[in-house]
Amino acid sequence: MVVAKKYVLKSHFQGLPKREDLEIVEEELPPLKDGEILTETLWLSVDPYMRPYSQRMKLGDTMIGELVAKVTESKNPGYAVGDVIVTNVGWRTHTILGESFFQQSMPKIRKVDPSINLPSSTAVGILGMPGPKSGETLVVTGAAGAVGSAVGQIAKIKGCRVVGFAGSDDKVAYLKSIGFDEAINYKTVTSISDAVKKACPNGVDMFFDNVGGEFFEVVLSQMNTFGRVSVCGCISQYNLEEPPKDVVWVAGAYLGPVVVMCIILVSTRPVSSLILFHQLKVEGFLVWRWNIEEWAASFKEIAQWIQEGKLKYEETVTEGFDKMFDAFLGLFKGENLGKAVVKV
């Protein structure tokens, strides 16, 4: 009999997450049925999106998240003991995966290709970033995180000028070491707007935003005509206890931080006009819009860049399942450099 540990939601987060909002509980897993596999978690992914998505969860649900695990027992011919997989079942040590996870139309599990000679933790980090025009300028916020650092380096590989914003001098040094043309500590500049103008004298062609809020508007105001904006995250908004004062209420309802970007785009600030008159293309995206074949192709391309030394990555590793909350909270305090993971 296998006993699994998992984090469950005791109360929804209000502001910054608190340890007492979550509880570690144990559960006995039943014997495997035909078609099922038993997995043991190796790595847990630590990501800001978990904060807003948790608002959708019911109390008692397992805290949302992705993990890397190895197969320890199998009654499914497609999976052998020792296979390494990635799936999204939350913060837990052991999991039984059944038929619904293997549906071909929308699989909830993917194998880690053993021919990719990289640490298994990268399957929820640098390899999980689905992958601009040469000579264009890209601005990345949250640039020293897992996504931002990968985006900037891929843009450099494609021949772009890349400007990154981060929250410490150490992170700025890291960004310069991996090839960013300009790296700026937004906490020490007197004006973010002036910093963007100086770093991007010819304007901004592409903006990859992980931060949201006021930063979003400042960069938007300096976009070139027909610029493109990728809205990946809005970490500056996730722990707000009240909606921003200048939002326009949509259908009389504040929908919460999970859709704050939708609200920002209809705020009383001139964001909508900036998008209109600069004829910008703004797109939000979630990683699971890409199918399993596109993920596999991305993995191979990114792995090749890493092995050729064109793409570098950092991980902030926390050891121990019981330290998962500490790693999670550290995201909102800027403690991680690169991808945050927990080694179980």
C-alpha atoms as a PDB file:
ATOM      1  CA  MET A   1       0.000   0.000   0.000  1.00  0.00           C
ATOM      2  CA  VAL A   2       1.391   3.375  -1.058  1.00  0.00           C
ATOM      3  CA  VAL A   3       0.718   6.421   1.104  1.00  0.00           C
ATOM      4  CA  ALA A   4       0.718   9.695  -0.823  1.00  0.00           C
ATOM      5  CA  LYS A   5       1.184  13.163   0.623  1.00  0.00           C
ATOM      6  CA  LYS A   6      -0.522  16.165  -0.923  1.00  0.00           C
ATOM      7  CA  TYR A   7      -1.176  19.848  -0.223  1.00  0.00           C
ATOM      8  CA  VAL A   8      -4.873  20.738  -0.046  1.00  0.00           C
ATOM      9  CA  LEU A   9      -6.494  24.165  -0.021  1.00  0.00           C
ATOM     10  CA  LYS A  10      -7.867  25.048   3.424  1.00  0.00           C
ATOM     11  CA  SER A  11      -8.809  28.647   2.616  1.00  0.00           C
ATOM     12  CA  HIS A  12      -8.554  30.824  -0.476  1.00  0.00           C
ATOM     13  CA  PHE A  13      -5.595  33.187  -0.519  1.00  0.00           C
ATOM     14  CA  GLN A  14      -6.253  36.763   0.523  1.00  0.00           C
ATOM     15  CA  GLY A  15      -3.339  38.951  -0.519  1.00  0.00           C
ATOM     16  CA  LEU A  16       0.012  37.204  -0.129  1.00  0.00           C
ATOM     17  CA  PRO A  17      -0.423  33.425   0.386  1.00  0.00           C
ATOM     18  CA  LYS A  18      -0.077  32.230   3.992  1.00  0.00           C
ATOM     19  CA  ARG A  19       1.136  28.854   5.201  1.00  0.00           C
ATOM     20  CA  GLU A  20      -2.131  28.178   7.035  1.00  0.00           C
ATOM     21  CA  ASP A  21      -4.040  28.473   3.736  1.00  0.00           C
ATOM     22  CA  LEU A  22      -2.707  25.019   2.824  1.00  0.00           C
ATOM     23  CA  GLU A  23      -2.448  21.715   4.675  1.00  0.00           C
ATOM     24  CA  ILE A  24      -0.395  18.579   3.999  1.00  0.00           C
ATOM     25  CA  VAL A  25      -2.565  15.468   4.229  1.00  0.00           C
ATOM     26  CA  GLU A  26      -1.944  11.775   3.569  1.00  0.00           C
ATOM     27  CA  GLU A  27      -4.029   9.329   1.567  1.00  0.00           C
ATOM     28  CA  GLU A  28      -3.716   5.606   0.910  1.00  0.00           C
ATOM     29  CA  LEU A  29      -3.712   4.764  -2.776  1.00  0.00           C
ATOM     30  CA  PRO A  30      -5.676   1.694  -3.939  1.00  0.00           C
ATOM     31  CA  PRO A  31      -4.169  -1.180  -5.958  1.00  0.00           C
ATOM     32  CA  LEU A  32      -3.716  -0.464  -9.661  1.00  0.00           C
ATOM     33  CA  LYS A  33      -6.431  -1.373 -12.141  1.00  0.00           C
ATOM     34  CA  ASP A  34      -5.819  -2.401 -15.734  1.00  0.00           C
ATOM     35  CA  GLY A  35      -4.702   0.567 -17.825  1.00  0.00           C
ATOM     36  CA  GLU A  36      -3.366   2.557 -14.860  1.00  0.00           C
ATOM     37  CA  ILE A  37       0.130   3.581 -13.784  1.00  0.00           C
ATOM     38  CA  LEU A  38       1.559   4.567 -10.405  1.00  0.00           C
ATOM     39  CA  THR A  39       4.020   7.459 -10.352  1.00  0.00           C
ATOM     40  CA  GLU A  40       6.402   8.889  -7.775  1.00  0.00           C
ATOM     41  CA  THR A  41       7.112  12.614  -7.994  1.00  0.00           C
ATOM     42  CA  LEU A  42      10.690  13.708  -8.699  1.00  0.00           C
ATOM     43  CA  TRP A  43      10.217  17.462  -9.211  1.00  0.00           C
ATOM     44  CA  LEU A  44       7.441  19.937  -8.523  1.00  0.00           C
ATOM     45  CA  SER A  45       7.111  23.047 -10.683  1.00  0.00           C
ATOM     46  CA  VAL A  46       6.714  26.352  -8.813  1.00  0.00           C
ATOM     47  CA  ASP A  47       4.873  28.997 -10.850  1.00  0.00           C
ATOM     48  CA  PRO A  48       3.091  32.334 -10.256  1.00  0.00           C
ATOM     49  CA  TYR A  49      -0.027  31.238 -12.176  1.00  0.00           C
ATOM     50  CA  MET A  50      -0.893  28.918  -9.286  1.00  0.00           C
ATOM     51  CA  ARG A  51      -1.916  31.941  -7.216  1.00  0.00           C
ATOM     52  CA  PRO A  52      -4.777  33.216  -9.438  1.00  0.00           C
ATOM     53  CA  TYR A  53      -5.856  29.764 -10.590  1.00  0.00           C
ATOM     54  CA  SER A  54      -6.324  28.640  -6.980  1.00  0.00           C
ATOM     55  CA  GLN A  55      -9.288  31.042  -6.768  1.00  0.00           C
ATOM     56  CA  ARG A  56     -11.185  28.632  -9.024  1.00  0.00           C
ATOM     57  CA  MET A  57     -10.537  25.677  -6.729  1.00  0.00           C
ATOM     58  CA  LYS A  58     -12.868  24.310  -4.085  1.00  0.00           C
ATOM     59  CA  LEU A  59     -11.687  24.025  -0.496  1.00  0.00           C
ATOM     60  CA  GLY A  60     -10.158  20.596   0.016  1.00  0.00           C
ATOM     61  CA  ASP A  61      -8.847  20.361  -3.573  1.00  0.00           C
ATOM     62  CA  THR A  62      -5.216  19.439  -4.170  1.00  0.00           C
ATOM     63  CA  MET A  63      -3.186  22.584  -4.857  1.00  0.00           C
ATOM     64  CA  ILE A  64      -2.775  23.057  -8.599  1.00  0.00           C
ATOM     65  CA  GLY A  65       0.583  22.463 -10.305  1.00  0.00           C
ATOM     66  CA  GLU A  66       2.710  20.498 -12.740  1.00  0.00           C
ATOM     67  CA  LEU A  67       5.258  17.852 -11.839  1.00  0.00           C
ATOM     68  CA  VAL A  68       7.844  15.434 -13.192  1.00  0.00           C
ATOM     69  CA  ALA A  69       7.463  11.851 -11.991  1.00  0.00           C
ATOM     70  CA  LYS A  70       8.781   8.371 -12.662  1.00  0.00           C
ATOM     71  CA  VAL A  71       6.609   5.343 -13.248  1.00  0.00           C
ATOM     72  CA  THR A  72       7.034   2.883 -10.368  1.00  0.00           C
ATOM     73  CA  GLU A  73       4.292   0.393 -11.310  1.00  0.00           C
ATOM     74  CA  SER A  74       2.381  -0.064 -14.538  1.00  0.00           C
ATOM     75  CA  LYS A  75      -0.640  -1.931 -15.828  1.00  0.00           C
ATOM     76  CA  ASN A  76      -0.630   0.121 -19.021  1.00  0.00           C
ATOM     77  CA  PRO A  77       1.295  -1.296 -22.017  1.00  0.00           C
ATOM     78  CA  GLY A  78       2.262   2.206 -23.148  1.00  0.00           C
ATOM     79  CA  TYR A  79       4.260   2.933 -20.001  1.00  0.00           C
ATOM     80  CA  ALA A  80       7.084   0.959 -18.450  1.00  0.00           C
ATOM     81  CA  VAL A  81       8.514   1.114 -14.957  1.00  0.00           C
ATOM     82  CA  GLY A  82      11.244   3.763 -15.029  1.00  0.00           C
ATOM     83  CA  ASP A  83       9.596   5.987 -17.659  1.00  0.00           C
ATOM     84  CA  VAL A  84       9.677   9.674 -16.734  1.00  0.00           C
ATOM     85  CA  ILE A  85       6.519  11.693 -17.355  1.00  0.00           C
ATOM     86  CA  VAL A  86       5.156  15.231 -16.936  1.00  0.00           C
ATOM     87  CA  THR A  87       1.601  15.818 -15.819  1.00  0.00           C
ATOM     88  CA  ASN A  88      -0.554  18.368 -14.026  1.00  0.00           C
ATOM     89  CA  VAL A  89      -2.004  16.752 -10.896  1.00  0.00           C
ATOM     90  CA  GLY A  90      -0.924  19.259  -8.272  1.00  0.00           C
ATOM     91  CA  TRP A  91       1.353  19.243  -5.268  1.00  0.00           C
ATOM     92  CA  ARG A  92       1.605  15.542  -4.378  1.00  0.00           C
ATOM     93  CA  THR A  93       4.207  12.812  -3.892  1.00  0.00           C
ATOM     94  CA  HIS A  94       2.512   9.821  -5.545  1.00  0.00           C
ATOM     95  CA  THR A  95      -0.289   9.583  -8.104  1.00  0.00           C
ATOM     96  CA  ILE A  96      -2.330   6.930  -9.893  1.00  0.00           C
ATOM     97  CA  LEU A  97      -3.016   7.970 -13.487  1.00  0.00           C
ATOM     98  CA  GLY A  98      -5.870   6.305 -15.342  1.00  0.00           C
ATOM     99  CA  GLU A  99      -7.645   6.282 -18.682  1.00  0.00           C
ATOM    100  CA  SER A 100      -8.610   9.977 -18.788  1.00  0.00           C
ATOM    101  CA  PHE A 101      -4.929  10.973 -18.781  1.00  0.00           C
ATOM    102  CA  PHE A 102      -4.118   9.004 -21.934  1.00  0.00           C
ATOM    103  CA  GLN A 103      -6.861  10.195 -24.308  1.00  0.00           C
ATOM    104  CA  GLN A 104      -5.245  10.884 -27.660  1.00  0.00           C
ATOM    105  CA  SER A 105      -7.326  13.957 -28.482  1.00  0.00           C
ATOM    106  CA  MET A 106      -6.150  15.851 -25.381  1.00  0.00           C
ATOM    107  CA  PRO A 107      -3.543  13.892 -23.372  1.00  0.00           C
ATOM    108  CA  LYS A 108      -2.907  15.122 -19.839  1.00  0.00           C
ATOM    109  CA  ILE A 109       0.444  13.398 -19.652  1.00  0.00           C
ATOM    110  CA  ARG A 110       3.603  13.441 -21.762  1.00  0.00           C
ATOM    111  CA  LYS A 111       6.714  11.305 -21.640  1.00  0.00           C
ATOM    112  CA  VAL A 112      10.120  12.871 -21.233  1.00  0.00           C
ATOM    113  CA  ASP A 113      12.178  11.874 -24.271  1.00  0.00           C
ATOM    114  CA  PRO A 114      15.153   9.891 -22.892  1.00  0.00           C
ATOM    115  CA  SER A 115      17.242  10.939 -25.915  1.00  0.00           C
ATOM    116  CA  ILE A 116      17.241  14.542 -24.638  1.00  0.00           C
ATOM    117  CA  ASN A 117      20.309  14.461 -22.429  1.00  0.00           C
ATOM    118  CA  LEU A 118      19.281  17.114 -19.898  1.00  0.00           C
ATOM    119  CA  PRO A 119      18.222  16.993 -16.222  1.00  0.00           C
ATOM    120  CA  SER A 120      14.609  15.862 -15.793  1.00  0.00           C
ATOM    121  CA  SER A 121      13.774  19.086 -13.931  1.00  0.00           C
ATOM    122  CA  THR A 122      14.033  20.957 -17.251  1.00  0.00           C
ATOM    123  CA  ALA A 123      10.813  19.249 -18.401  1.00  0.00           C
ATOM    124  CA  VAL A 124       8.852  21.741 -16.278  1.00  0.00           C
ATOM    125  CA  GLY A 125      11.359  24.546 -16.897  1.00  0.00           C
ATOM    126  CA  ILE A 126      13.352  25.617 -19.919  1.00  0.00           C
ATOM    127  CA  LEU A 127      12.061  22.768 -22.142  1.00  0.00           C
ATOM    128  CA  GLY A 128       8.469  23.683 -21.346  1.00  0.00           C
ATOM    129  CA  MET A 129       8.668  27.077 -23.064  1.00  0.00           C
ATOM    130  CA  PRO A 130       7.047  26.837 -26.512  1.00  0.00           C
ATOM    131  CA  GLY A 131       9.068  28.911 -28.802  1.00  0.00           C
ATOM    132  CA  PRO A 132      10.362  36.598 -33.496  1.00  0.00           C
ATOM    133  CA  LYS A 133      12.056  39.041 -36.939  1.00  0.00           C
ATOM    134  CA  SER A 134      15.743  39.724 -37.017  1.00  0.00           C
ATOM    135  CA  GLY A 135      16.655  43.318 -36.148  1.00  0.00           C
ATOM    136  CA  GLU A 136      13.520  44.010 -34.099  1.00  0.00           C
ATOM    137  CA  THR A 137      13.554  45.147 -30.468  1.00  0.00           C
ATOM    138  CA  LEU A 138      11.967  43.033 -27.757  1.00  0.00           C
ATOM    139  CA  VAL A 139      11.224  44.161 -24.185  1.00  0.00           C
ATOM    140  CA  VAL A 140      10.727  41.458 -21.565  1.00  0.00           C
ATOM    141  CA  THR A 141       9.425  42.079 -18.047  1.00  0.00           C
ATOM    142  CA  GLY A 142      10.100  39.545 -15.317  1.00  0.00           C
ATOM    143  CA  ALA A 143      13.104  38.790 -17.496  1.00  0.00           C
ATOM    144  CA  ALA A 144      15.152  36.814 -14.955  1.00  0.00           C
ATOM    145  CA  GLY A 145      12.414  34.248 -14.399  1.00  0.00           C
ATOM    146  CA  ALA A 146      12.097  30.917 -16.162  1.00  0.00           C
ATOM    147  CA  VAL A 147       9.933  32.211 -19.016  1.00  0.00           C
ATOM    148  CA  GLY A 148      11.452  35.671 -19.438  1.00  0.00           C
ATOM    149  CA  SER A 149      15.047  34.460 -19.589  1.00  0.00           C
ATOM    150  CA  ALA A 150      14.166  31.803 -22.174  1.00  0.00           C
ATOM    151  CA  VAL A 151      12.152  34.242 -24.305  1.00  0.00           C
ATOM    152  CA  GLY A 152      14.996  36.773 -24.342  1.00  0.00           C
ATOM    153  CA  GLN A 153      17.605  34.213 -25.351  1.00  0.00           C
ATOM    154  CA  ILE A 154      15.442  32.734 -28.097  1.00  0.00           C
ATOM    155  CA  ALA A 155      14.900  36.238 -29.472  1.00  0.00           C
ATOM    156  CA  LYS A 156      18.684  36.753 -29.473  1.00  0.00           C
ATOM    157  CA  ILE A 157      19.111  33.482 -31.388  1.00  0.00           C
ATOM    158  CA  LYS A 158      16.613  34.877 -33.916  1.00  0.00           C
ATOM    159  CA  GLY A 159      18.665  38.082 -34.295  1.00  0.00           C
ATOM    160  CA  CYS A 160      16.684  40.532 -32.150  1.00  0.00           C
ATOM    161  CA  ARG A 161      17.784  43.290 -29.783  1.00  0.00           C
ATOM    162  CA  VAL A 162      16.593  42.300 -26.314  1.00  0.00           C
ATOM    163  CA  VAL A 163      15.939  44.513 -23.288  1.00  0.00           C
ATOM    164  CA  GLY A 164      15.041  42.912 -19.968  1.00  0.00           C
ATOM    165  CA  PHE A 165      13.654  44.299 -16.724  1.00  0.00           C
ATOM    166  CA  ALA A 166      14.255  42.554 -13.391  1.00  0.00           C
ATOM    167  CA  GLY A 167      14.108  43.377  -9.690  1.00  0.00           C
ATOM    168  CA  SER A 168      17.676  43.143  -8.406  1.00  0.00           C
ATOM    169  CA  ASP A 169      21.256  43.942  -9.444  1.00  0.00           C
ATOM    170  CA  ASP A 170      22.137  40.232  -9.276  1.00  0.00           C
ATOM    171  CA  LYS A 171      19.362  39.441 -11.739  1.00  0.00           C
ATOM    172  CA  VAL A 172      20.521  42.261 -14.025  1.00  0.00           C
ATOM    173  CA  ALA A 173      24.038  40.792 -13.988  1.00  0.00           C
ATOM    174  CA  TYR A 174      22.601  37.379 -14.839  1.00  0.00           C
ATOM    175  CA  LEU A 175      20.653  38.757 -17.801  1.00  0.00           C
ATOM    176  CA  LYS A 176      23.771  40.450 -19.179  1.00  0.00           C
ATOM    177  CA  SER A 177      25.721  37.204 -18.739  1.00  0.00           C
ATOM    178  CA  ILE A 178      23.237  35.302 -20.946  1.00  0.00           C
ATOM    179  CA  GLY A 179      23.349  37.858 -23.757  1.00  0.00           C
ATOM    180  CA  PHE A 180      20.628  40.465 -23.148  1.00  0.00           C
ATOM    181  CA  ASP A 181      21.634  43.726 -24.866  1.00  0.00           C
ATOM    182  CA  GLU A 182      20.274  45.799 -21.977  1.00  0.00           C
ATOM    183  CA  ALA A 183      19.192  44.749 -18.512  1.00  0.00           C
ATOM    184  CA  ILE A 184      17.575  47.173 -16.078  1.00  0.00           C
ATOM    185  CA  ASN A 185      16.730  46.995 -12.375  1.00  0.00           C
ATOM    186  CA  TYR A 186      13.298  48.607 -12.342  1.00  0.00           C
ATOM    187  CA  LYS A 187      13.540  49.149  -8.578  1.00  0.00           C
ATOM    188  CA  THR A 188      16.514  51.521  -8.858  1.00  0.00           C
ATOM    189  CA  VAL A 189      15.602  53.651 -11.903  1.00  0.00           C
ATOM    190  CA  THR A 190      13.865  56.970 -11.299  1.00  0.00           C
ATOM    191  CA  SER A 191      11.559  56.526 -14.302  1.00  0.00           C
ATOM    192  CA  ILE A 192      10.639  53.265 -16.039  1.00  0.00           C
ATOM    193  CA  SER A 193       9.435  55.254 -19.030  1.00  0.00           C
ATOM    194  CA  ASP A 194      12.795  57.030 -19.408  1.00  0.00           C
ATOM    195  CA  ALA A 195      14.619  53.734 -18.970  1.00  0.00           C
ATOM    196  CA  VAL A 196      12.623  52.150 -21.806  1.00  0.00           C
ATOM    197  CA  LYS A 197      13.259  55.184 -24.069  1.00  0.00           C
ATOM    198  CA  LYS A 198      17.001  55.061 -23.423  1.00  0.00           C
ATOM    199  CA  ALA A 199      17.273  51.307 -23.927  1.00  0.00           C
ATOM    200  CA  CYS A 200      14.995  51.315 -27.004  1.00  0.00           C
ATOM    201  CA  PRO A 201      15.833  54.485 -28.984  1.00  0.00           C
ATOM    202  CA  ASN A 202      14.032  53.112 -32.042  1.00  0.00           C
ATOM    203  CA  GLY A 203      10.959  52.070 -30.113  1.00  0.00           C
ATOM    204  CA  VAL A 204       9.650  48.636 -29.125  1.00  0.00           C
ATOM    205  CA  ASP A 205       8.538  46.116 -31.732  1.00  0.00           C
ATOM    206  CA  MET A 206       7.687  43.235 -29.398  1.00  0.00           C
ATOM    207  CA  PHE A 207       6.708  43.223 -25.751  1.00  0.00           C
ATOM    208  CA  PHE A 208       6.598  40.027 -23.703  1.00  0.00           C
ATOM    209  CA  ASP A 209       4.882  40.865 -20.421  1.00  0.00           C
ATOM    210  CA  ASN A 210       5.002  38.771 -17.267  1.00  0.00           C
ATOM    211  CA  VAL A 211       4.203  41.610 -14.844  1.00  0.00           C
ATOM    212  CA  GLY A 212       1.107  43.585 -15.870  1.00  0.00           C
ATOM    213  CA  GLY A 213      -0.143  46.660 -14.034  1.00  0.00           C
ATOM    214  CA  GLU A 214       1.474  50.046 -14.632  1.00  0.00           C
ATOM    215  CA  PHE A 215       4.489  48.452 -16.343  1.00  0.00           C
ATOM    216  CA  PHE A 216       2.177  47.240 -19.097  1.00  0.00           C
ATOM    217  CA  GLU A 217       0.955  50.743 -19.923  1.00  0.00           C
ATOM    218  CA  VAL A 218       4.429  52.320 -19.792  1.00  0.00           C
ATOM    219  CA  VAL A 219       5.881  49.927 -22.374  1.00  0.00           C
ATOM    220  CA  LEU A 220       2.751  50.030 -24.521  1.00  0.00           C
ATOM    221  CA  SER A 221       3.141  53.803 -24.889  1.00  0.00           C
ATOM    222  CA  GLN A 222       6.513  53.241 -26.599  1.00  0.00           C
ATOM    223  CA  MET A 223       5.477  50.493 -28.999  1.00  0.00           C
ATOM    224  CA  ASN A 224       6.071  50.943 -32.708  1.00  0.00           C
ATOM    225  CA  THR A 225       3.187  50.767 -35.168  1.00  0.00           C
ATOM    226  CA  PHE A 226       2.108  47.159 -35.768  1.00  0.00           C
ATOM    227  CA  GLY A 227       3.980  46.042 -32.660  1.00  0.00           C
ATOM    228  CA  ARG A 228       3.068  42.746 -31.028  1.00  0.00           C
ATOM    229  CA  VAL A 229       2.361  42.136 -27.348  1.00  0.00           C
ATOM    230  CA  SER A 230       2.364  38.730 -25.677  1.00  0.00           C
ATOM    231  CA  VAL A 231       0.594  38.721 -22.328  1.00  0.00           C
ATOM    232  CA  CYS A 232       2.005  35.769 -20.438  1.00  0.00           C
ATOM    233  CA  GLY A 233       1.411  36.830 -16.839  1.00  0.00           C
ATOM    234  CA  CYS A 234       0.577  39.692 -14.502  1.00  0.00           C
ATOM    235  CA  ILE A 235       2.342  38.819 -11.260  1.00  0.00           C
ATOM    236  CA  SER A 236       2.063  42.387  -9.970  1.00  0.00           C
ATOM    237  CA  GLN A 237      -1.722  41.893  -9.787  1.00  0.00           C
ATOM    238  CA  TYR A 238      -2.027  38.373  -8.360  1.00  0.00           C
ATOM    239  CA  ASN A 239      -2.025  39.297  -4.674  1.00  0.00           C
ATOM    240  CA  LEU A 240      -4.261  42.359  -4.878  1.00  0.00           C
ATOM    241  CA  GLU A 241      -7.004  42.212  -2.272  1.00  0.00           C
ATOM    242  CA  GLU A 242      -9.087  44.837  -4.090  1.00  0.00           C
ATOM    243  CA  PRO A 243      -9.433  45.665  -7.805  1.00  0.00           C
ATOM    244  CA  PRO A 244      -7.390  48.604  -9.095  1.00  0.00           C
ATOM    245  CA  LYS A 245      -9.166  51.903  -8.420  1.00  0.00           C
ATOM    246  CA  ASP A 246      -9.423  52.831 -12.086  1.00  0.00           C
ATOM    247  CA  VAL A 247     -10.971  49.696 -13.553  1.00  0.00           C
ATOM    248  CA  VAL A 248     -14.180  49.769 -15.516  1.00  0.00           C
ATOM    249  CA  TRP A 249     -16.503  47.140 -14.051  1.00  0.00           C
ATOM    250  CA  VAL A 250     -17.548  44.629 -16.677  1.00  0.00           C
ATOM    251  CA  ALA A 251     -21.214  43.653 -16.495  1.00  0.00           C
ATOM    252  CA  GLY A 252     -21.202  44.916 -12.911  1.00  0.00           C
ATOM    253  CA  ALA A 253     -18.774  42.246 -11.715  1.00  0.00           C
ATOM    254  CA  TYR A 254     -15.088  42.328 -10.777  1.00  0.00           C
ATOM    255  CA  LEU A 255     -13.817  38.996 -12.016  1.00  0.00           C
ATOM    256  CA  GLY A 256     -10.677  38.809  -9.861  1.00  0.00           C
ATOM    257  CA  PRO A 257      -6.923  38.764 -10.511  1.00  0.00           C
ATOM    258  CA  VAL A 258      -7.188  35.707 -12.734  1.00  0.00           C
ATOM    259  CA  VAL A 259      -8.599  37.885 -15.528  1.00  0.00           C
ATOM    260  CA  VAL A 260      -7.049  41.179 -14.506  1.00  0.00           C
ATOM    261  CA  MET A 261      -5.488  41.668 -17.943  1.00  0.00           C
ATOM    262  CA  CYS A 262      -8.971  41.742 -19.464  1.00  0.00           C
ATOM    263  CA  ILE A 263      -9.906  44.486 -17.023  1.00  0.00           C
ATOM    264  CA  ILE A 264      -6.743  46.484 -17.580  1.00  0.00           C
ATOM    265  CA  LEU A 265      -7.527  46.663 -21.279  1.00  0.00           C
ATOM    266  CA  VAL A 266     -10.767  48.505 -20.525  1.00  0.00           C
ATOM    267  CA  SER A 267      -9.460  50.735 -17.750  1.00  0.00           C
ATOM    268  CA  THR A 268      -9.931  54.483 -17.629  1.00  0.00           C
ATOM    269  CA  ARG A 269      -6.228  54.866 -18.406  1.00  0.00           C
ATOM    270  CA  PRO A 270      -5.466  55.309 -22.116  1.00  0.00           C
ATOM    271  CA  VAL A 271      -4.448  51.682 -22.731  1.00  0.00           C
ATOM    272  CA  SER A 272      -7.208  51.007 -25.253  1.00  0.00           C
ATOM    273  CA  SER A 273      -6.233  54.117 -27.245  1.00  0.00           C
ATOM    274  CA  LEU A 274      -2.573  53.052 -27.244  1.00  0.00           C
ATOM    275  CA  ILE A 275      -3.554  49.710 -28.729  1.00  0.00           C
ATOM    276  CA  LEU A 276      -5.863  51.348 -31.258  1.00  0.00           C
ATOM    277  CA  PHE A 277      -3.654  54.165 -32.540  1.00  0.00           C
ATOM    278  CA  HIS A 278      -0.458  52.105 -32.614  1.00  0.00           C
ATOM    279  CA  GLN A 279      -2.437  49.283 -34.289  1.00  0.00           C
ATOM    280  CA  LEU A 280      -0.975  46.773 -31.901  1.00  0.00           C
ATOM    281  CA  LYS A 281      -1.669  43.076 -31.779  1.00  0.00           C
ATOM    282  CA  VAL A 282      -2.166  41.956 -28.166  1.00  0.00           C
ATOM    283  CA  GLU A 283      -2.544  38.297 -27.347  1.00  0.00           C
ATOM    284  CA  GLY A 284      -2.804  36.377 -24.117  1.00  0.00           C
ATOM    285  CA  PHE A 285      -1.999  32.677 -24.124  1.00  0.00           C
ATOM    286  CA  LEU A 286      -1.938  29.560 -21.994  1.00  0.00           C
ATOM    287  CA  VAL A 287       0.691  26.924 -22.678  1.00  0.00           C
ATOM    288  CA  TRP A 288      -1.706  24.024 -23.222  1.00  0.00           C
ATOM    289  CA  ARG A 289      -3.063  25.544 -26.443  1.00  0.00           C
ATOM    290  CA  TRP A 290      -0.174  23.779 -28.230  1.00  0.00           C
ATOM    291  CA  ASN A 291      -0.654  20.097 -29.020  1.00  0.00           C
ATOM    292  CA  ILE A 292       1.621  17.253 -27.970  1.00  0.00           C
ATOM    293  CA  GLU A 293       3.463  17.165 -31.327  1.00  0.00           C
ATOM    294  CA  GLU A 294       4.287  20.889 -31.079  1.00  0.00           C
ATOM    295  CA  TRP A 295       5.569  20.378 -27.536  1.00  0.00           C
ATOM    296  CA  ALA A 296       7.848  17.566 -28.730  1.00  0.00           C
ATOM    297  CA  ALA A 297       9.235  19.684 -31.578  1.00  0.00           C
ATOM    298  CA  SER A 298       9.836  22.580 -29.193  1.00  0.00           C
ATOM    299  CA  PHE A 299      11.639  20.302 -26.732  1.00  0.00           C
ATOM    300  CA  LYS A 300      14.039  19.072 -29.388  1.00  0.00           C
ATOM    301  CA  GLU A 301      14.822  22.546 -30.736  1.00  0.00           C
ATOM    302  CA  ILE A 302      15.388  24.065 -27.296  1.00  0.00           C
ATOM    303  CA  ALA A 303      17.447  21.072 -26.126  1.00  0.00           C
ATOM    304  CA  GLN A 304      19.693  21.480 -29.184  1.00  0.00           C
ATOM    305  CA  TRP A 305      20.225  25.183 -28.423  1.00  0.00           C
ATOM    306  CA  ILE A 306      21.166  24.317 -24.831  1.00  0.00           C
ATOM    307  CA  GLN A 307      23.605  21.623 -25.910  1.00  0.00           C
ATOM    308  CA  GLU A 308      25.167  24.023 -28.442  1.00  0.00           C
ATOM    309  CA  GLY A 309      25.607  26.638 -25.718  1.00  0.00           C
ATOM    310  CA  LYS A 310      23.233  29.118 -27.398  1.00  0.00           C
ATOM    311  CA  LEU A 311      20.624  28.958 -24.646  1.00  0.00           C
ATOM    312  CA  LYS A 312      21.421  28.961 -20.921  1.00  0.00           C
ATOM    313  CA  TYR A 313      19.164  28.424 -17.963  1.00  0.00           C
ATOM    314  CA  GLU A 314      19.173  28.734 -14.191  1.00  0.00           C
ATOM    315  CA  GLU A 315      17.158  26.882 -11.599  1.00  0.00           C
ATOM    316  CA  THR A 316      16.360  27.837  -8.024  1.00  0.00           C
ATOM    317  CA  VAL A 317      16.089  24.438  -6.357  1.00  0.00           C
ATOM    318  CA  THR A 318      14.370  23.902  -3.017  1.00  0.00           C
ATOM    319  CA  GLU A 319      14.727  20.439  -1.493  1.00  0.00           C
ATOM    320  CA  GLY A 320      11.910  18.597   0.236  1.00  0.00           C
ATOM    321  CA  PHE A 321       8.166  18.220  -0.346  1.00  0.00           C
ATOM    322  CA  ASP A 322       7.461  19.999   2.943  1.00  0.00           C
ATOM    323  CA  LYS A 323       9.275  23.098   1.599  1.00  0.00           C
ATOM    324  CA  MET A 324       6.954  23.550  -1.385  1.00  0.00           C
ATOM    325  CA  PHE A 325       5.054  26.427   0.213  1.00  0.00           C
ATOM    326  CA  ASP A 326       8.305  28.267   1.013  1.00  0.00           C
ATOM    327  CA  ALA A 327       9.356  27.994  -2.643  1.00  0.00           C
ATOM    328  CA  PHE A 328       5.915  29.183  -3.779  1.00  0.00           C
ATOM    329  CA  LEU A 329       5.929  32.201  -1.474  1.00  0.00           C
ATOM    330  CA  GLY A 330       9.463  33.048  -2.638  1.00  0.00           C
ATOM    331  CA  LEU A 331       8.135  33.718  -6.148  1.00  0.00           C
ATOM    332  CA  PHE A 332       6.221  36.764  -4.921  1.00  0.00           C
ATOM    333  CA  LYS A 333       9.234  38.055  -3.004  1.00  0.00           C
ATOM    334  CA  GLY A 334      11.536  37.838  -6.029  1.00  0.00           C
ATOM    335  CA  GLU A 335      13.726  35.146  -4.455  1.00  0.00           C
ATOM    336  CA  ASN A 336      14.050  32.915  -7.514  1.00  0.00           C
ATOM    337  CA  LEU A 337      16.536  33.247 -10.343  1.00  0.00           C
ATOM    338  CA  GLY A 338      15.336  31.349 -13.407  1.00  0.00           C
ATOM    339  CA  LYS A 339      12.942  28.444 -12.909  1.00  0.00           C
ATOM    340  CA  ALA A 340      11.836  27.595  -9.383  1.00  0.00           C
ATOM    341  CA  VAL A 341      11.500  23.861  -8.740  1.00  0.00           C
ATOM    342  CA  VAL A 342      11.207  21.627  -5.705  1.00  0.00           C
ATOM    343  CA  LYS A 343      13.165  18.393  -5.553  1.00  0.00           C
ATOM    344  CA  VAL A 344      10.958  15.840  -3.850  1.00  0.00           C
END
